[in-house]
């Protein structure tokens, strides 16, 4: 899978992969973000095919929810 295809299709999308691309691109650059997202797409595809499940998108705000719960756990300690 070409990282260029990933950039074109995922960069502006409002889903889990688009959010992952934007967060990674901000930290590591656009090329590394494209490679990371392509890797995640391949991993998702593998697990969907081996487990015969349907894809369920985690949502654009998945990372924000994770950070909020992690922050709450730190505050309680």
N, C-alpha and C. Protein backbone atom coordinates (compact mmCIF):
# COMPACT_ATOMS: atom_id res chain seq x y z
N UNK A 1 0.86 -1.18 0.00
CA UNK A 1 0.00 0.00 0.00
C UNK A 1 0.90 1.23 0.00
N UNK A 2 0.66 2.12 -0.93
CA UNK A 2 1.47 3.32 -1.06
C UNK A 2 1.08 4.36 -0.01
N UNK A 3 2.06 4.94 0.68
CA UNK A 3 1.74 5.99 1.64
C UNK A 3 1.06 7.20 1.00
N UNK A 4 1.29 7.44 -0.30
CA UNK A 4 0.63 8.55 -0.97
C UNK A 4 -0.88 8.36 -1.03
N UNK A 5 -1.31 7.14 -1.24
CA UNK A 5 -2.73 6.84 -1.27
C UNK A 5 -3.33 7.08 0.11
N UNK A 6 -2.59 6.70 1.13
CA UNK A 6 -3.06 6.89 2.50
C UNK A 6 -3.25 8.37 2.79
N UNK A 7 -2.30 9.18 2.38
CA UNK A 7 -2.38 10.62 2.64
C UNK A 7 -3.61 11.21 1.96
N UNK A 8 -3.85 10.83 0.72
CA UNK A 8 -4.99 11.39 -0.02
C UNK A 8 -6.31 11.01 0.60
N UNK A 9 -6.45 9.79 1.05
CA UNK A 9 -7.74 9.32 1.52
C UNK A 9 -7.99 9.58 3.00
N UNK A 10 -6.95 9.60 3.80
CA UNK A 10 -7.13 9.65 5.24
C UNK A 10 -6.94 11.04 5.84
N UNK A 11 -6.11 11.85 5.25
CA UNK A 11 -5.70 13.11 5.87
C UNK A 11 -6.88 13.99 6.29
N UNK A 12 -7.89 14.09 5.47
CA UNK A 12 -9.01 14.99 5.79
C UNK A 12 -10.23 14.26 6.33
N UNK A 13 -10.15 12.94 6.51
CA UNK A 13 -11.32 12.20 6.96
C UNK A 13 -11.59 12.44 8.43
N UNK A 14 -12.84 12.34 8.79
CA UNK A 14 -13.27 12.57 10.17
C UNK A 14 -13.53 11.23 10.86
N UNK A 15 -12.48 10.44 11.02
CA UNK A 15 -12.61 9.15 11.69
C UNK A 15 -11.33 8.86 12.46
N UNK A 16 -11.24 7.66 13.00
CA UNK A 16 -10.10 7.26 13.82
C UNK A 16 -8.78 7.37 13.06
N UNK A 17 -8.74 6.88 11.82
CA UNK A 17 -7.50 6.91 11.05
C UNK A 17 -7.09 8.34 10.68
N UNK A 18 -8.05 9.18 10.36
CA UNK A 18 -7.74 10.57 10.07
C UNK A 18 -7.18 11.29 11.28
N UNK A 19 -7.77 11.03 12.42
CA UNK A 19 -7.28 11.62 13.66
C UNK A 19 -5.87 11.13 13.97
N UNK A 20 -5.63 9.84 13.76
CA UNK A 20 -4.30 9.29 14.00
C UNK A 20 -3.27 9.93 13.07
N UNK A 21 -3.65 10.10 11.80
CA UNK A 21 -2.74 10.73 10.84
C UNK A 21 -2.39 12.15 11.27
N UNK A 22 -3.38 12.94 11.63
CA UNK A 22 -3.13 14.33 12.01
C UNK A 22 -2.27 14.44 13.27
N UNK A 23 -2.53 13.58 14.25
CA UNK A 23 -1.74 13.61 15.48
C UNK A 23 -0.29 13.20 15.22
N UNK A 24 -0.10 12.15 14.44
CA UNK A 24 1.25 11.68 14.14
C UNK A 24 1.99 12.68 13.26
N UNK A 25 1.29 13.28 12.30
CA UNK A 25 1.93 14.26 11.41
C UNK A 25 2.41 15.48 12.19
N UNK A 26 1.67 15.86 13.20
CA UNK A 26 2.07 17.00 14.02
C UNK A 26 3.34 16.70 14.81
N UNK A 27 3.50 15.45 15.22
CA UNK A 27 4.66 15.08 16.03
C UNK A 27 5.86 14.63 15.21
N UNK A 28 5.61 13.82 14.17
CA UNK A 28 6.73 13.16 13.47
C UNK A 28 6.86 13.52 12.01
N UNK A 29 5.93 14.28 11.47
CA UNK A 29 6.00 14.64 10.05
C UNK A 29 5.02 13.83 9.22
N UNK A 30 4.74 14.36 8.02
CA UNK A 30 3.71 13.77 7.17
C UNK A 30 4.11 12.40 6.62
N UNK A 31 5.37 12.22 6.27
CA UNK A 31 5.79 10.94 5.71
C UNK A 31 5.68 9.82 6.73
N UNK A 32 6.15 10.06 7.93
CA UNK A 32 6.08 9.03 8.97
C UNK A 32 4.63 8.77 9.35
N UNK A 33 3.81 9.81 9.37
CA UNK A 33 2.39 9.62 9.67
C UNK A 33 1.73 8.75 8.62
N UNK A 34 2.05 8.95 7.35
CA UNK A 34 1.47 8.14 6.28
C UNK A 34 1.89 6.68 6.43
N UNK A 35 3.13 6.44 6.77
CA UNK A 35 3.61 5.06 6.96
C UNK A 35 2.91 4.42 8.15
N UNK A 36 2.77 5.17 9.24
CA UNK A 36 2.11 4.63 10.43
C UNK A 36 0.66 4.27 10.15
N UNK A 37 -0.05 5.14 9.45
CA UNK A 37 -1.46 4.88 9.16
C UNK A 37 -1.58 3.70 8.19
N UNK A 38 -0.70 3.61 7.20
CA UNK A 38 -0.73 2.47 6.28
C UNK A 38 -0.51 1.18 7.06
N UNK A 39 0.38 1.20 8.03
CA UNK A 39 0.64 0.02 8.86
C UNK A 39 -0.61 -0.36 9.66
N UNK A 40 -1.27 0.64 10.23
CA UNK A 40 -2.48 0.37 11.01
C UNK A 40 -3.59 -0.19 10.11
N UNK A 41 -3.70 0.33 8.88
CA UNK A 41 -4.71 -0.19 7.95
C UNK A 41 -4.43 -1.66 7.64
N UNK A 42 -3.18 -2.00 7.45
CA UNK A 42 -2.83 -3.41 7.19
C UNK A 42 -3.13 -4.30 8.40
N UNK A 43 -2.83 -3.79 9.58
CA UNK A 43 -3.12 -4.56 10.79
C UNK A 43 -4.61 -4.76 10.97
N UNK A 44 -5.40 -3.71 10.75
CA UNK A 44 -6.85 -3.82 10.86
C UNK A 44 -7.38 -4.83 9.86
N UNK A 45 -6.88 -4.75 8.62
CA UNK A 45 -7.32 -5.68 7.57
C UNK A 45 -7.01 -7.11 7.95
N UNK A 46 -5.81 -7.35 8.47
CA UNK A 46 -5.43 -8.71 8.87
C UNK A 46 -6.37 -9.25 9.94
N UNK A 47 -6.62 -8.45 10.98
CA UNK A 47 -7.47 -8.93 12.06
C UNK A 47 -8.91 -9.11 11.61
N UNK A 48 -9.40 -8.25 10.73
CA UNK A 48 -10.76 -8.41 10.23
C UNK A 48 -10.91 -9.69 9.41
N UNK A 49 -9.90 -9.98 8.60
CA UNK A 49 -9.97 -11.19 7.77
C UNK A 49 -9.80 -12.46 8.58
N UNK A 50 -8.90 -12.44 9.56
CA UNK A 50 -8.67 -13.66 10.34
C UNK A 50 -9.80 -13.93 11.34
N UNK A 51 -10.42 -12.89 11.86
CA UNK A 51 -11.50 -13.07 12.83
C UNK A 51 -12.88 -13.02 12.21
N UNK A 52 -12.95 -12.68 10.91
CA UNK A 52 -14.22 -12.58 10.18
C UNK A 52 -15.19 -11.65 10.89
N UNK A 53 -14.71 -10.46 11.23
CA UNK A 53 -15.52 -9.46 11.90
C UNK A 53 -15.72 -8.26 10.98
N UNK A 54 -16.65 -7.41 11.33
CA UNK A 54 -16.87 -6.15 10.62
C UNK A 54 -16.07 -5.05 11.30
N UNK A 55 -15.66 -4.06 10.51
CA UNK A 55 -14.88 -2.94 11.04
C UNK A 55 -15.80 -1.98 11.76
N UNK A 56 -15.43 -1.59 12.96
CA UNK A 56 -16.16 -0.59 13.73
C UNK A 56 -15.20 0.55 14.02
N UNK A 57 -15.51 1.72 13.49
CA UNK A 57 -14.65 2.88 13.68
C UNK A 57 -14.71 3.36 15.12
N UNK A 58 -13.57 3.68 15.70
CA UNK A 58 -13.52 4.12 17.08
C UNK A 58 -13.94 5.57 17.25
N UNK A 59 -13.94 6.33 16.18
CA UNK A 59 -14.36 7.73 16.24
C UNK A 59 -13.18 8.68 16.27
N UNK A 60 -13.45 9.89 15.82
CA UNK A 60 -12.39 10.89 15.72
C UNK A 60 -11.87 11.31 17.09
N UNK A 61 -12.71 11.27 18.10
CA UNK A 61 -12.31 11.74 19.43
C UNK A 61 -11.82 10.61 20.34
N UNK A 62 -11.45 9.47 19.77
CA UNK A 62 -11.00 8.32 20.57
C UNK A 62 -9.79 8.67 21.42
N UNK A 63 -8.80 9.33 20.82
CA UNK A 63 -7.59 9.67 21.57
C UNK A 63 -7.88 10.68 22.67
N UNK A 64 -8.76 11.62 22.41
CA UNK A 64 -9.11 12.60 23.43
C UNK A 64 -9.78 11.93 24.63
N UNK A 65 -10.65 10.97 24.37
CA UNK A 65 -11.29 10.24 25.46
C UNK A 65 -10.27 9.44 26.26
N UNK A 66 -9.31 8.82 25.56
CA UNK A 66 -8.27 8.04 26.23
C UNK A 66 -7.43 8.94 27.12
N UNK A 67 -7.04 10.10 26.62
CA UNK A 67 -6.22 11.03 27.42
C UNK A 67 -6.99 11.51 28.63
N UNK A 68 -8.28 11.76 28.47
CA UNK A 68 -9.10 12.23 29.59
C UNK A 68 -9.18 11.18 30.68
N UNK A 69 -9.37 9.92 30.31
CA UNK A 69 -9.44 8.88 31.34
C UNK A 69 -8.08 8.64 31.97
N UNK A 70 -7.00 8.73 31.19
CA UNK A 70 -5.66 8.58 31.76
C UNK A 70 -5.36 9.72 32.72
N UNK A 71 -5.78 10.92 32.36
CA UNK A 71 -5.56 12.09 33.24
C UNK A 71 -6.33 11.94 34.54
N UNK A 72 -7.55 11.43 34.47
CA UNK A 72 -8.34 11.22 35.67
C UNK A 72 -7.71 10.19 36.58
N UNK A 73 -7.13 9.15 36.01
CA UNK A 73 -6.48 8.12 36.81
C UNK A 73 -5.26 8.69 37.53
N UNK A 74 -4.52 9.59 36.87
CA UNK A 74 -3.34 10.21 37.49
C UNK A 74 -3.77 11.12 38.61
N UNK A 75 -4.86 11.86 38.43
CA UNK A 75 -5.33 12.78 39.46
C UNK A 75 -5.78 12.07 40.71
N UNK A 76 -6.34 10.89 40.55
CA UNK A 76 -6.84 10.12 41.70
C UNK A 76 -5.72 9.53 42.53
N UNK A 77 -4.58 9.30 41.92
CA UNK A 77 -3.46 8.66 42.63
C UNK A 77 -2.80 9.57 43.61
